């Protein structure tokens, strides 16, 4: 939602890079093993208007989850950029046919609903934009979006509010204050129904989707 067209995909790229190590946990294998030993597993998701990072974890090891996630998001090393770029380019092939046409219904629906707005952007970006993104783009996006005013911490389990607040303050206290850019209003709804069709002859099935 907040990406410039020429930086489309930078949020998703940054999500990938967080898992490449942090100042306190530069070895990604050990970083993941630390969380797994505490009963968890690290995960991240990028949507069109937010990203989130999560793990289940033993209540007795809650500090480990906060420590690793906090360092990942506050002090990422942003290493092995080219390796992640190739992984993302490979992932993007799932959304297109052999001719390179987008056949992902979610992408097509958002394009029709929010044309000209950031919400219409493909989450992963396009091959062109992903190939152009550099380290400075990732650093600037991290500084812009990963701020205290943008953060929501959610925990569920046998824990207390005081315990979570103490751990969250320690893990995320290094984030700069304030929030990211204000949301731009979405374009007006279409005046009437719209139909978008992609003739994908190689598929054994037809997918359809209705949006209201």
N, C-alpha and C. Protein backbone atom coordinates (compact mmCIF):
# COMPACT_ATOMS: atom_id res chain seq x y z
N UNK A 1 0.83 -1.21 0.00
CA UNK A 1 0.00 0.00 0.00
C UNK A 1 0.86 1.26 0.00
N UNK A 2 2.02 1.19 0.58
CA UNK A 2 2.86 2.37 0.76
C UNK A 2 4.06 2.40 -0.18
N UNK A 3 4.11 1.50 -1.14
CA UNK A 3 5.25 1.44 -2.03
C UNK A 3 5.07 2.33 -3.25
N UNK A 4 6.15 2.96 -3.67
CA UNK A 4 6.15 3.65 -4.94
C UNK A 4 6.19 2.60 -6.06
N UNK A 5 5.59 2.92 -7.22
CA UNK A 5 5.56 1.91 -8.30
C UNK A 5 6.94 1.36 -8.65
N UNK A 6 7.97 2.22 -8.64
CA UNK A 6 9.30 1.74 -9.01
C UNK A 6 9.95 0.91 -7.91
N UNK A 7 9.36 0.93 -6.69
CA UNK A 7 9.87 0.10 -5.60
C UNK A 7 8.90 -1.02 -5.26
N UNK A 8 8.04 -1.37 -6.17
CA UNK A 8 7.06 -2.42 -5.91
C UNK A 8 7.76 -3.72 -5.51
N UNK A 9 7.35 -4.28 -4.39
CA UNK A 9 7.95 -5.52 -3.90
C UNK A 9 8.99 -5.33 -2.82
N UNK A 10 9.29 -4.07 -2.46
CA UNK A 10 10.34 -3.83 -1.47
C UNK A 10 9.94 -4.35 -0.08
N UNK A 11 8.66 -4.28 0.26
CA UNK A 11 8.20 -4.78 1.57
C UNK A 11 8.43 -6.28 1.68
N UNK A 12 8.06 -7.00 0.63
CA UNK A 12 8.21 -8.45 0.61
C UNK A 12 9.69 -8.83 0.58
N UNK A 13 10.49 -8.10 -0.18
CA UNK A 13 11.94 -8.34 -0.24
C UNK A 13 12.55 -8.18 1.15
N UNK A 14 12.14 -7.11 1.85
CA UNK A 14 12.66 -6.87 3.19
C UNK A 14 12.27 -7.98 4.15
N UNK A 15 11.06 -8.47 4.02
CA UNK A 15 10.63 -9.60 4.87
C UNK A 15 11.59 -10.77 4.71
N UNK A 16 11.93 -11.10 3.47
CA UNK A 16 12.88 -12.20 3.22
C UNK A 16 14.21 -11.93 3.89
N UNK A 17 14.67 -10.68 3.81
CA UNK A 17 16.00 -10.34 4.31
C UNK A 17 16.11 -10.41 5.83
N UNK A 18 15.00 -10.22 6.52
CA UNK A 18 15.03 -10.31 7.99
C UNK A 18 15.52 -11.69 8.45
N UNK A 19 15.23 -12.71 7.66
CA UNK A 19 15.57 -14.07 8.06
C UNK A 19 17.01 -14.43 7.69
N UNK A 20 17.77 -13.45 7.20
CA UNK A 20 19.17 -13.66 6.85
C UNK A 20 20.12 -13.28 7.98
N UNK A 21 19.59 -13.10 9.17
CA UNK A 21 20.44 -12.84 10.32
C UNK A 21 20.34 -11.42 10.84
N UNK A 22 20.72 -11.27 12.11
CA UNK A 22 20.66 -9.97 12.78
C UNK A 22 21.97 -9.78 13.55
N UNK A 23 22.13 -8.61 14.14
CA UNK A 23 23.38 -8.31 14.85
C UNK A 23 23.67 -9.34 15.95
N UNK A 24 22.65 -9.67 16.72
CA UNK A 24 22.84 -10.61 17.83
C UNK A 24 22.82 -12.06 17.36
N UNK A 25 22.15 -12.31 16.24
CA UNK A 25 22.01 -13.68 15.73
C UNK A 25 22.42 -13.71 14.25
N UNK A 26 23.72 -13.55 13.97
CA UNK A 26 24.15 -13.48 12.57
C UNK A 26 24.10 -14.83 11.84
N UNK A 27 24.16 -15.92 12.57
CA UNK A 27 24.10 -17.25 11.97
C UNK A 27 22.64 -17.68 11.89
N UNK A 28 22.10 -17.73 10.69
CA UNK A 28 20.67 -18.00 10.54
C UNK A 28 20.31 -19.43 10.96
N UNK A 29 21.23 -20.37 10.77
CA UNK A 29 20.95 -21.75 11.19
C UNK A 29 20.81 -21.80 12.71
N UNK A 30 21.73 -21.17 13.41
CA UNK A 30 21.65 -21.15 14.87
C UNK A 30 20.45 -20.35 15.35
N UNK A 31 20.12 -19.27 14.64
CA UNK A 31 18.97 -18.45 15.00
C UNK A 31 17.69 -19.28 14.96
N UNK A 32 17.51 -20.03 13.88
CA UNK A 32 16.33 -20.87 13.77
C UNK A 32 16.36 -22.02 14.76
N UNK A 33 17.54 -22.58 14.98
CA UNK A 33 17.65 -23.69 15.94
C UNK A 33 17.31 -23.23 17.34
N UNK A 34 17.67 -22.00 17.68
CA UNK A 34 17.38 -21.45 19.00
C UNK A 34 15.87 -21.40 19.24
N UNK A 35 15.14 -20.95 18.23
CA UNK A 35 13.69 -20.86 18.35
C UNK A 35 13.06 -22.25 18.34
N UNK A 36 13.55 -23.13 17.50
CA UNK A 36 13.01 -24.49 17.44
C UNK A 36 13.23 -25.24 18.75
N UNK A 37 14.37 -25.00 19.40
CA UNK A 37 14.64 -25.64 20.69
C UNK A 37 13.69 -25.15 21.76
N UNK A 38 13.10 -23.97 21.56
CA UNK A 38 12.12 -23.42 22.50
C UNK A 38 10.69 -23.78 22.09
N UNK A 39 10.56 -24.69 21.13
CA UNK A 39 9.24 -25.16 20.72
C UNK A 39 8.58 -24.35 19.62
N UNK A 40 9.36 -23.50 18.94
CA UNK A 40 8.76 -22.63 17.94
C UNK A 40 9.33 -22.82 16.55
N UNK A 41 8.92 -21.95 15.65
CA UNK A 41 9.48 -21.87 14.30
C UNK A 41 9.17 -20.48 13.76
N UNK A 42 10.16 -19.87 13.13
CA UNK A 42 10.02 -18.49 12.67
C UNK A 42 9.26 -18.42 11.36
N UNK A 43 8.34 -17.48 11.28
CA UNK A 43 7.57 -17.28 10.06
C UNK A 43 7.32 -15.79 9.83
N UNK A 44 7.14 -15.43 8.58
CA UNK A 44 6.80 -14.05 8.23
C UNK A 44 5.88 -14.02 7.03
N UNK A 45 5.02 -13.02 6.98
CA UNK A 45 4.05 -12.87 5.88
C UNK A 45 3.98 -11.39 5.51
N UNK A 46 3.94 -11.11 4.22
CA UNK A 46 3.71 -9.75 3.74
C UNK A 46 2.35 -9.70 3.07
N UNK A 47 1.52 -8.76 3.49
CA UNK A 47 0.23 -8.53 2.84
C UNK A 47 0.30 -7.19 2.13
N UNK A 48 -0.83 -6.72 1.59
CA UNK A 48 -0.79 -5.46 0.85
C UNK A 48 -0.73 -4.23 1.75
N UNK A 49 -1.02 -4.38 3.04
CA UNK A 49 -0.94 -3.19 3.89
C UNK A 49 -0.20 -3.41 5.20
N UNK A 50 0.32 -4.61 5.44
CA UNK A 50 1.15 -4.83 6.63
C UNK A 50 1.95 -6.11 6.47
N UNK A 51 2.98 -6.23 7.28
CA UNK A 51 3.73 -7.47 7.38
C UNK A 51 3.66 -7.97 8.80
N UNK A 52 3.74 -9.27 8.99
CA UNK A 52 3.73 -9.79 10.36
C UNK A 52 4.67 -10.99 10.48
N UNK A 53 5.18 -11.16 11.70
CA UNK A 53 6.20 -12.16 12.00
C UNK A 53 5.76 -12.86 13.27
N UNK A 54 5.87 -14.18 13.31
CA UNK A 54 5.24 -14.90 14.42
C UNK A 54 5.91 -16.24 14.67
N UNK A 55 5.67 -16.76 15.85
CA UNK A 55 6.10 -18.11 16.20
C UNK A 55 5.27 -18.62 17.37
N UNK A 56 4.88 -19.89 17.35
CA UNK A 56 4.43 -20.52 18.61
C UNK A 56 5.68 -20.77 19.44
N UNK A 57 5.55 -20.83 20.74
CA UNK A 57 6.72 -21.04 21.58
C UNK A 57 6.28 -21.51 22.96
N UNK A 58 7.13 -22.25 23.64
CA UNK A 58 6.82 -22.67 25.01
C UNK A 58 6.70 -21.43 25.89
N UNK A 59 5.68 -21.36 26.74
CA UNK A 59 5.55 -20.19 27.63
C UNK A 59 6.78 -19.96 28.50
N UNK A 60 7.48 -21.01 28.82
CA UNK A 60 8.68 -20.87 29.64
C UNK A 60 9.84 -20.27 28.85
N UNK A 61 9.72 -20.25 27.52
CA UNK A 61 10.79 -19.75 26.65
C UNK A 61 10.38 -18.49 25.90
N UNK A 62 9.38 -17.79 26.43
CA UNK A 62 8.86 -16.62 25.73
C UNK A 62 9.95 -15.59 25.43
N UNK A 63 10.90 -15.48 26.32
CA UNK A 63 11.98 -14.51 26.14
C UNK A 63 12.78 -14.78 24.87
N UNK A 64 12.93 -16.06 24.52
CA UNK A 64 13.67 -16.42 23.31
C UNK A 64 12.95 -15.87 22.07
N UNK A 65 11.64 -16.05 22.02
CA UNK A 65 10.87 -15.56 20.88
C UNK A 65 10.98 -14.05 20.72
N UNK A 66 10.84 -13.33 21.82
CA UNK A 66 10.96 -11.87 21.76
C UNK A 66 12.38 -11.45 21.36
N UNK A 67 13.37 -12.13 21.92
CA UNK A 67 14.75 -11.78 21.64
C UNK A 67 15.07 -11.93 20.15
N UNK A 68 14.70 -13.06 19.57
CA UNK A 68 15.04 -13.32 18.17
C UNK A 68 14.23 -12.43 17.24
N UNK A 69 12.91 -12.37 17.43
CA UNK A 69 12.09 -11.53 16.57
C UNK A 69 12.47 -10.06 16.70
N UNK A 70 12.75 -9.63 17.93
CA UNK A 70 13.13 -8.24 18.12
C UNK A 70 14.41 -7.88 17.40
N UNK A 71 15.41 -8.73 17.52
CA UNK A 71 16.69 -8.42 16.86
C UNK A 71 16.57 -8.50 15.35
N UNK A 72 15.79 -9.46 14.85
CA UNK A 72 15.55 -9.58 13.41
C UNK A 72 14.99 -8.29 12.83
N UNK A 73 13.99 -7.74 13.51
CA UNK A 73 13.24 -6.62 12.95
C UNK A 73 13.89 -5.27 13.26
N UNK A 74 14.63 -5.18 14.34
CA UNK A 74 15.23 -3.90 14.73
C UNK A 74 16.64 -3.76 14.17
N UNK A 75 17.40 -4.85 14.16
CA UNK A 75 18.81 -4.78 13.76
C UNK A 75 19.16 -5.85 12.72
N UNK A 76 18.47 -5.88 11.59
CA UNK A 76 18.79 -6.88 10.56
C UNK A 76 20.13 -6.58 9.89
N UNK A 77 20.82 -7.63 9.48
CA UNK A 77 22.09 -7.45 8.79
C UNK A 77 21.91 -7.23 7.28
N UNK A 78 20.79 -7.69 6.74
CA UNK A 78 20.48 -7.53 5.31
C UNK A 78 21.58 -8.11 4.44
N UNK A 79 21.91 -9.37 4.71
CA UNK A 79 22.96 -10.07 3.97
C UNK A 79 22.38 -10.94 2.86
N UNK A 80 23.24 -11.36 1.94
CA UNK A 80 22.91 -12.30 0.86
C UNK A 80 21.72 -11.80 0.04
N UNK A 81 21.79 -10.54 -0.33
CA UNK A 81 20.70 -9.92 -1.08
C UNK A 81 20.46 -10.63 -2.41
N UNK A 82 21.52 -10.96 -3.12
CA UNK A 82 21.35 -11.57 -4.44
C UNK A 82 20.74 -12.96 -4.35
N UNK A 83 21.07 -13.69 -3.28
CA UNK A 83 20.47 -15.01 -3.09
C UNK A 83 18.96 -14.88 -2.91
N UNK A 84 18.54 -13.95 -2.06
CA UNK A 84 17.11 -13.76 -1.83
C UNK A 84 16.41 -13.21 -3.08
N UNK A 85 17.10 -12.39 -3.84
CA UNK A 85 16.50 -11.87 -5.07
C UNK A 85 16.13 -13.02 -6.01
N UNK A 86 17.03 -13.98 -6.15
CA UNK A 86 16.75 -15.11 -7.03
C UNK A 86 15.61 -15.98 -6.49
N UNK A 87 15.56 -16.15 -5.17
CA UNK A 87 14.47 -16.92 -4.56
C UNK A 87 13.13 -16.25 -4.85
N UNK A 88 13.08 -14.92 -4.71
CA UNK A 88 11.83 -14.19 -4.95
C UNK A 88 11.43 -14.28 -6.41
N UNK A 89 12.39 -14.14 -7.32
CA UNK A 89 12.08 -14.24 -8.75
C UNK A 89 11.53 -15.61 -9.09
N UNK A 90 12.06 -16.65 -8.43
CA UNK A 90 11.53 -18.00 -8.65
C UNK A 90 10.11 -18.13 -8.11
N UNK A 91 9.86 -17.58 -6.91
CA UNK A 91 8.53 -17.63 -6.33
C UNK A 91 7.50 -16.97 -7.24
N UNK A 92 7.89 -15.88 -7.89
CA UNK A 92 6.96 -15.12 -8.71
C UNK A 92 6.47 -15.90 -9.93
N UNK A 93 7.19 -16.94 -10.31
CA UNK A 93 6.78 -17.74 -11.47
C UNK A 93 5.46 -18.46 -11.21
N UNK A 94 5.13 -18.67 -9.92
CA UNK A 94 3.87 -19.35 -9.60
C UNK A 94 2.65 -18.50 -9.97
N UNK A 95 2.85 -17.20 -10.16
CA UNK A 95 1.72 -16.30 -10.42
C UNK A 95 1.50 -16.03 -11.91
N UNK A 96 2.36 -16.56 -12.77
CA UNK A 96 2.26 -16.25 -14.19
C UNK A 96 2.22 -17.53 -15.02
N UNK A 97 1.72 -17.39 -16.26
CA UNK A 97 1.72 -18.53 -17.16
C UNK A 97 3.03 -18.53 -17.97
N UNK A 98 3.10 -19.43 -18.95
CA UNK A 98 4.34 -19.56 -19.72
C UNK A 98 4.63 -18.32 -20.55
N UNK A 99 3.60 -17.51 -20.79
CA UNK A 99 3.79 -16.26 -21.54
C UNK A 99 4.12 -15.08 -20.63
N UNK A 100 4.20 -15.34 -19.32
CA UNK A 100 4.51 -14.27 -18.38
C UNK A 100 3.31 -13.46 -17.96
N UNK A 101 2.10 -13.89 -18.32
CA UNK A 101 0.88 -13.16 -17.94
C UNK A 101 0.48 -13.54 -16.52
N UNK A 102 0.03 -12.55 -15.77
CA UNK A 102 -0.41 -12.78 -14.40
C UNK A 102 -1.72 -13.56 -14.43
N UNK A 103 -1.75 -14.72 -13.76
CA UNK A 103 -2.97 -15.52 -13.69
C UNK A 103 -3.40 -15.73 -12.24
N UNK A 104 -2.81 -14.97 -11.32
CA UNK A 104 -3.18 -15.08 -9.92
C UNK A 104 -4.44 -14.26 -9.66
N UNK A 105 -5.50 -14.92 -9.18
CA UNK A 105 -6.79 -14.25 -9.02
C UNK A 105 -6.74 -13.11 -8.01
N UNK A 106 -5.93 -13.26 -6.97
CA UNK A 106 -5.84 -12.19 -5.99
C UNK A 106 -5.21 -10.95 -6.62
N UNK A 107 -4.14 -11.14 -7.37
CA UNK A 107 -3.51 -10.01 -8.06
C UNK A 107 -4.47 -9.36 -9.03
N UNK A 108 -5.16 -10.17 -9.81
CA UNK A 108 -6.07 -9.62 -10.83
C UNK A 108 -7.23 -8.88 -10.18
N UNK A 109 -7.75 -9.41 -9.09
CA UNK A 109 -8.87 -8.76 -8.42
C UNK A 109 -8.45 -7.40 -7.86
N UNK A 110 -7.30 -7.35 -7.20
CA UNK A 110 -6.85 -6.08 -6.62
C UNK A 110 -6.54 -5.06 -7.72
N UNK A 111 -6.04 -5.52 -8.85
CA UNK A 111 -5.76 -4.61 -9.95
C UNK A 111 -7.05 -3.97 -10.46
N UNK A 112 -8.12 -4.76 -10.53
CA UNK A 112 -9.40 -4.23 -11.01
C UNK A 112 -10.05 -3.31 -9.98
N UNK A 113 -9.92 -3.65 -8.70
CA UNK A 113 -10.58 -2.88 -7.64
C UNK A 113 -9.86 -1.58 -7.31
N UNK A 114 -8.53 -1.58 -7.37
CA UNK A 114 -7.75 -0.45 -6.85
C UNK A 114 -6.77 0.11 -7.89
N UNK A 115 -7.17 0.10 -9.13
CA UNK A 115 -6.27 0.54 -10.21
C UNK A 115 -5.69 1.93 -9.92
N UNK A 116 -4.37 2.03 -10.06
CA UNK A 116 -3.71 3.30 -9.84
C UNK A 116 -3.32 3.57 -8.39
N UNK A 117 -3.66 2.67 -7.49
CA UNK A 117 -3.37 2.83 -6.06
C UNK A 117 -2.39 1.75 -5.62
N UNK A 118 -1.68 2.01 -4.53
CA UNK A 118 -0.71 1.03 -4.04
C UNK A 118 -1.32 -0.32 -3.72
N UNK A 119 -2.59 -0.36 -3.35
CA UNK A 119 -3.24 -1.64 -3.05
C UNK A 119 -3.38 -2.54 -4.28
N UNK A 120 -3.21 -1.95 -5.47
CA UNK A 120 -3.28 -2.76 -6.69
C UNK A 120 -1.95 -3.44 -7.00
N UNK A 121 -0.89 -3.04 -6.30
CA UNK A 121 0.43 -3.60 -6.59
C UNK A 121 0.50 -5.08 -6.23
N UNK A 122 1.28 -5.81 -6.99
CA UNK A 122 1.58 -7.19 -6.63
C UNK A 122 2.49 -7.19 -5.40
N UNK A 123 2.19 -8.04 -4.44
CA UNK A 123 2.93 -8.04 -3.18
C UNK A 123 4.42 -8.28 -3.43
N UNK A 124 4.74 -9.22 -4.29
CA UNK A 124 6.14 -9.54 -4.55
C UNK A 124 6.78 -8.57 -5.54
N UNK A 125 6.00 -7.70 -6.16
CA UNK A 125 6.51 -6.82 -7.19
C UNK A 125 6.51 -7.49 -8.54
N UNK A 126 7.23 -6.92 -9.47
CA UNK A 126 7.38 -7.50 -10.81
C UNK A 126 8.84 -7.87 -11.00
N UNK A 127 9.15 -8.74 -11.96
CA UNK A 127 10.56 -9.06 -12.20
C UNK A 127 11.42 -7.81 -12.42
N UNK A 128 10.87 -6.83 -13.11
CA UNK A 128 11.63 -5.61 -13.38
C UNK A 128 11.94 -4.86 -12.10
N UNK A 129 10.93 -4.67 -11.23
CA UNK A 129 11.18 -3.90 -10.01
C UNK A 129 12.07 -4.67 -9.04
N UNK A 130 11.88 -5.98 -8.95
CA UNK A 130 12.69 -6.78 -8.02
C UNK A 130 14.16 -6.78 -8.45
N UNK A 131 14.41 -6.83 -9.74
CA UNK A 131 15.80 -6.80 -10.22
C UNK A 131 16.45 -5.45 -9.96
N UNK A 132 15.65 -4.38 -9.85
CA UNK A 132 16.21 -3.04 -9.67
C UNK A 132 16.41 -2.68 -8.20
N UNK A 133 15.75 -3.37 -7.29
CA UNK A 133 15.86 -3.03 -5.87
C UNK A 133 17.26 -3.29 -5.35
N UNK A 134 17.80 -2.31 -4.61
CA UNK A 134 19.13 -2.45 -4.05
C UNK A 134 19.11 -2.34 -2.54
N UNK A 135 20.29 -2.48 -1.95
CA UNK A 135 20.39 -2.44 -0.49
C UNK A 135 19.87 -1.13 0.07
N UNK A 136 20.15 -0.01 -0.59
CA UNK A 136 19.69 1.28 -0.08
C UNK A 136 18.17 1.36 -0.05
N UNK A 137 17.50 0.76 -1.04
CA UNK A 137 16.03 0.73 -1.04
C UNK A 137 15.51 -0.01 0.19
N UNK A 138 16.14 -1.12 0.52
CA UNK A 138 15.72 -1.91 1.68
C UNK A 138 15.96 -1.15 2.97
N UNK A 139 17.13 -0.51 3.09
CA UNK A 139 17.46 0.25 4.29
C UNK A 139 16.47 1.39 4.49
N UNK A 140 16.18 2.13 3.42
CA UNK A 140 15.26 3.27 3.53
C UNK A 140 13.86 2.81 3.88
N UNK A 141 13.42 1.70 3.30
CA UNK A 141 12.07 1.20 3.60
C UNK A 141 11.99 0.73 5.05
N UNK A 142 13.04 0.09 5.52
CA UNK A 142 13.07 -0.35 6.92
C UNK A 142 12.98 0.84 7.86
N UNK A 143 13.74 1.88 7.57
CA UNK A 143 13.73 3.07 8.42
C UNK A 143 12.38 3.78 8.38
N UNK A 144 11.73 3.73 7.25
CA UNK A 144 10.45 4.42 7.08
C UNK A 144 9.29 3.70 7.76
N UNK A 145 9.25 2.37 7.62
CA UNK A 145 8.06 1.62 8.02
C UNK A 145 8.17 0.91 9.36
N UNK A 146 9.36 0.50 9.75
CA UNK A 146 9.50 -0.28 10.99
C UNK A 146 9.79 0.68 12.14
N UNK A 147 8.70 1.24 12.68
CA UNK A 147 8.77 2.25 13.73
C UNK A 147 7.80 1.86 14.85
N UNK A 148 8.04 2.43 16.03
CA UNK A 148 7.23 2.07 17.18
C UNK A 148 5.74 2.31 16.99
N UNK A 149 5.40 3.39 16.31
CA UNK A 149 3.99 3.71 16.10
C UNK A 149 3.27 2.80 15.13
N UNK A 150 4.03 1.98 14.41
CA UNK A 150 3.43 1.03 13.46
C UNK A 150 3.31 -0.37 14.02
N UNK A 151 3.78 -0.58 15.25
CA UNK A 151 3.92 -1.93 15.79
C UNK A 151 2.72 -2.36 16.61
N UNK A 152 2.25 -3.57 16.37
CA UNK A 152 1.26 -4.22 17.22
C UNK A 152 1.87 -5.53 17.70
N UNK A 153 1.92 -5.72 19.01
CA UNK A 153 2.42 -6.97 19.59
C UNK A 153 1.22 -7.75 20.10
N UNK A 154 1.07 -8.98 19.65
CA UNK A 154 -0.06 -9.81 20.07
C UNK A 154 0.47 -11.13 20.63
N UNK A 155 0.04 -11.49 21.82
CA UNK A 155 0.44 -12.75 22.45
C UNK A 155 -0.82 -13.42 23.02
N UNK A 156 -0.86 -14.73 22.91
CA UNK A 156 -1.97 -15.49 23.51
C UNK A 156 -1.39 -16.71 24.20
N UNK A 157 -1.79 -16.95 25.44
CA UNK A 157 -1.30 -18.10 26.18
C UNK A 157 -1.24 -17.81 27.67
N UNK A 158 -0.62 -18.68 28.42
CA UNK A 158 -0.51 -18.49 29.88
C UNK A 158 0.59 -17.47 30.21
N UNK A 159 0.30 -16.20 29.95
CA UNK A 159 1.25 -15.11 30.15
C UNK A 159 0.51 -13.94 30.80
N UNK A 160 1.28 -12.96 31.28
CA UNK A 160 0.66 -11.78 31.88
C UNK A 160 0.97 -10.55 31.05
N UNK A 161 0.13 -9.53 31.20
CA UNK A 161 0.35 -8.28 30.49
C UNK A 161 1.69 -7.67 30.87
N UNK A 162 2.03 -7.68 32.16
CA UNK A 162 3.29 -7.10 32.63
C UNK A 162 4.49 -7.83 32.02
N UNK A 163 4.38 -9.15 31.92
CA UNK A 163 5.47 -9.93 31.34
C UNK A 163 5.69 -9.58 29.88
N UNK A 164 4.59 -9.47 29.14
CA UNK A 164 4.70 -9.14 27.71
C UNK A 164 5.25 -7.73 27.53
N UNK A 165 4.78 -6.78 28.32
CA UNK A 165 5.25 -5.41 28.19
C UNK A 165 6.75 -5.31 28.46
N UNK A 166 7.22 -6.03 29.46
CA UNK A 166 8.65 -5.99 29.78
C UNK A 166 9.48 -6.57 28.64
N UNK A 167 9.05 -7.71 28.10
CA UNK A 167 9.78 -8.34 27.01
C UNK A 167 9.70 -7.51 25.73
N UNK A 168 8.53 -6.95 25.46
CA UNK A 168 8.36 -6.14 24.25
C UNK A 168 9.20 -4.88 24.30
N UNK A 169 9.27 -4.27 25.48
CA UNK A 169 10.09 -3.06 25.62
C UNK A 169 11.55 -3.37 25.36
N UNK A 170 12.01 -4.50 25.87
CA UNK A 170 13.40 -4.88 25.65
C UNK A 170 13.69 -5.25 24.22
N UNK A 171 12.73 -5.93 23.57
CA UNK A 171 12.96 -6.42 22.21
C UNK A 171 12.81 -5.32 21.16
N UNK A 172 11.83 -4.42 21.36
CA UNK A 172 11.51 -3.45 20.31
C UNK A 172 11.78 -2.01 20.71
N UNK A 173 12.41 -1.83 21.88
CA UNK A 173 12.70 -0.47 22.33
C UNK A 173 13.65 0.28 21.42
N UNK A 174 14.40 -0.45 20.59
CA UNK A 174 15.33 0.19 19.68
C UNK A 174 14.71 0.75 18.42
N UNK A 175 13.42 0.49 18.21
CA UNK A 175 12.76 1.05 17.03
C UNK A 175 12.59 2.56 17.20
N UNK A 176 12.74 3.33 16.13
CA UNK A 176 12.49 4.77 16.25
C UNK A 176 11.02 5.03 16.54
N UNK A 177 10.72 6.14 17.22
CA UNK A 177 9.31 6.44 17.51
C UNK A 177 8.56 6.89 16.26
N UNK A 178 7.25 7.04 16.43
CA UNK A 178 6.44 7.52 15.32
C UNK A 178 5.98 6.40 14.42
N UNK A 179 5.10 6.76 13.48
CA UNK A 179 4.58 5.79 12.54
C UNK A 179 5.09 6.06 11.14
N UNK A 180 4.66 5.24 10.22
CA UNK A 180 5.04 5.39 8.82
C UNK A 180 4.17 6.42 8.12
N UNK A 181 4.22 6.44 6.79
CA UNK A 181 3.43 7.41 6.04
C UNK A 181 1.94 7.15 6.19
N UNK A 182 1.15 8.21 6.07
CA UNK A 182 -0.30 8.06 6.17
C UNK A 182 -0.83 7.31 4.95
N UNK A 183 -1.90 6.54 5.17
CA UNK A 183 -2.52 5.82 4.06
C UNK A 183 -3.16 6.81 3.09
N UNK A 184 -2.94 6.56 1.81
CA UNK A 184 -3.62 7.34 0.79
C UNK A 184 -5.03 6.76 0.60
N UNK A 185 -6.04 7.62 0.46
CA UNK A 185 -7.39 7.10 0.27
C UNK A 185 -7.49 6.25 -0.99
N UNK A 186 -8.31 5.23 -0.89
CA UNK A 186 -8.46 4.33 -2.05
C UNK A 186 -9.30 5.03 -3.12
N UNK A 187 -9.14 4.63 -4.39
CA UNK A 187 -9.96 5.23 -5.45
C UNK A 187 -11.43 4.90 -5.27
N UNK A 188 -12.27 5.66 -5.93
CA UNK A 188 -13.71 5.43 -5.85
C UNK A 188 -14.04 4.04 -6.38
N UNK A 189 -15.09 3.45 -5.82
CA UNK A 189 -15.51 2.14 -6.28
C UNK A 189 -15.94 2.21 -7.74
N UNK A 190 -15.76 1.12 -8.48
CA UNK A 190 -16.24 1.12 -9.87
C UNK A 190 -17.73 1.45 -9.95
N UNK A 191 -18.11 2.12 -11.01
CA UNK A 191 -19.51 2.54 -11.16
C UNK A 191 -20.43 1.35 -11.37
N UNK A 192 -19.91 0.26 -11.84
CA UNK A 192 -20.75 -0.91 -12.08
C UNK A 192 -19.91 -2.17 -12.08
N UNK A 193 -20.50 -3.31 -12.40
CA UNK A 193 -19.74 -4.56 -12.40
C UNK A 193 -18.67 -4.54 -13.48
N UNK A 194 -17.58 -5.23 -13.18
CA UNK A 194 -16.49 -5.36 -14.14
C UNK A 194 -16.10 -6.83 -14.24
N UNK A 195 -15.68 -7.23 -15.41
CA UNK A 195 -15.28 -8.61 -15.64
C UNK A 195 -13.86 -8.61 -16.21
N UNK A 196 -13.02 -9.44 -15.63
CA UNK A 196 -11.64 -9.57 -16.10
C UNK A 196 -11.40 -11.03 -16.42
N UNK A 197 -11.02 -11.32 -17.65
CA UNK A 197 -10.82 -12.70 -18.10
C UNK A 197 -9.41 -12.89 -18.62
N UNK A 198 -8.79 -14.00 -18.26
CA UNK A 198 -7.50 -14.39 -18.81
C UNK A 198 -7.67 -15.79 -19.40
N UNK A 199 -7.44 -15.91 -20.69
CA UNK A 199 -7.57 -17.20 -21.37
C UNK A 199 -6.31 -18.02 -21.12
N UNK A 200 -6.40 -18.91 -20.13
CA UNK A 200 -5.25 -19.72 -19.75
C UNK A 200 -5.51 -21.15 -20.22
N UNK A 201 -5.17 -21.43 -21.47
CA UNK A 201 -5.55 -22.69 -22.11
C UNK A 201 -4.80 -23.90 -21.54
N UNK A 202 -3.64 -23.65 -20.92
CA UNK A 202 -2.84 -24.78 -20.42
C UNK A 202 -3.37 -25.34 -19.11
N UNK A 203 -4.32 -24.68 -18.47
CA UNK A 203 -4.82 -25.13 -17.19
C UNK A 203 -5.94 -26.15 -17.37
N UNK A 204 -5.95 -27.23 -16.57
CA UNK A 204 -7.03 -28.21 -16.67
C UNK A 204 -8.32 -27.73 -16.02
N UNK A 205 -8.27 -26.62 -15.29
CA UNK A 205 -9.44 -26.11 -14.61
C UNK A 205 -9.58 -24.61 -14.88
N UNK A 206 -10.79 -24.11 -14.60
CA UNK A 206 -11.03 -22.67 -14.67
C UNK A 206 -11.24 -22.17 -13.24
N UNK A 207 -10.52 -21.14 -12.89
CA UNK A 207 -10.69 -20.52 -11.57
C UNK A 207 -11.57 -19.27 -11.72
N UNK A 208 -12.42 -19.06 -10.77
CA UNK A 208 -13.25 -17.85 -10.80
C UNK A 208 -13.31 -17.24 -9.42
N UNK A 209 -13.51 -15.93 -9.37
CA UNK A 209 -13.55 -15.22 -8.12
C UNK A 209 -14.49 -14.05 -8.24
N UNK A 210 -15.31 -13.85 -7.20
CA UNK A 210 -16.23 -12.71 -7.14
C UNK A 210 -15.78 -11.79 -6.02
N UNK A 211 -15.72 -10.49 -6.29
CA UNK A 211 -15.34 -9.50 -5.28
C UNK A 211 -16.47 -8.51 -5.10
N UNK A 212 -16.79 -8.22 -3.86
CA UNK A 212 -17.79 -7.21 -3.56
C UNK A 212 -17.14 -6.11 -2.73
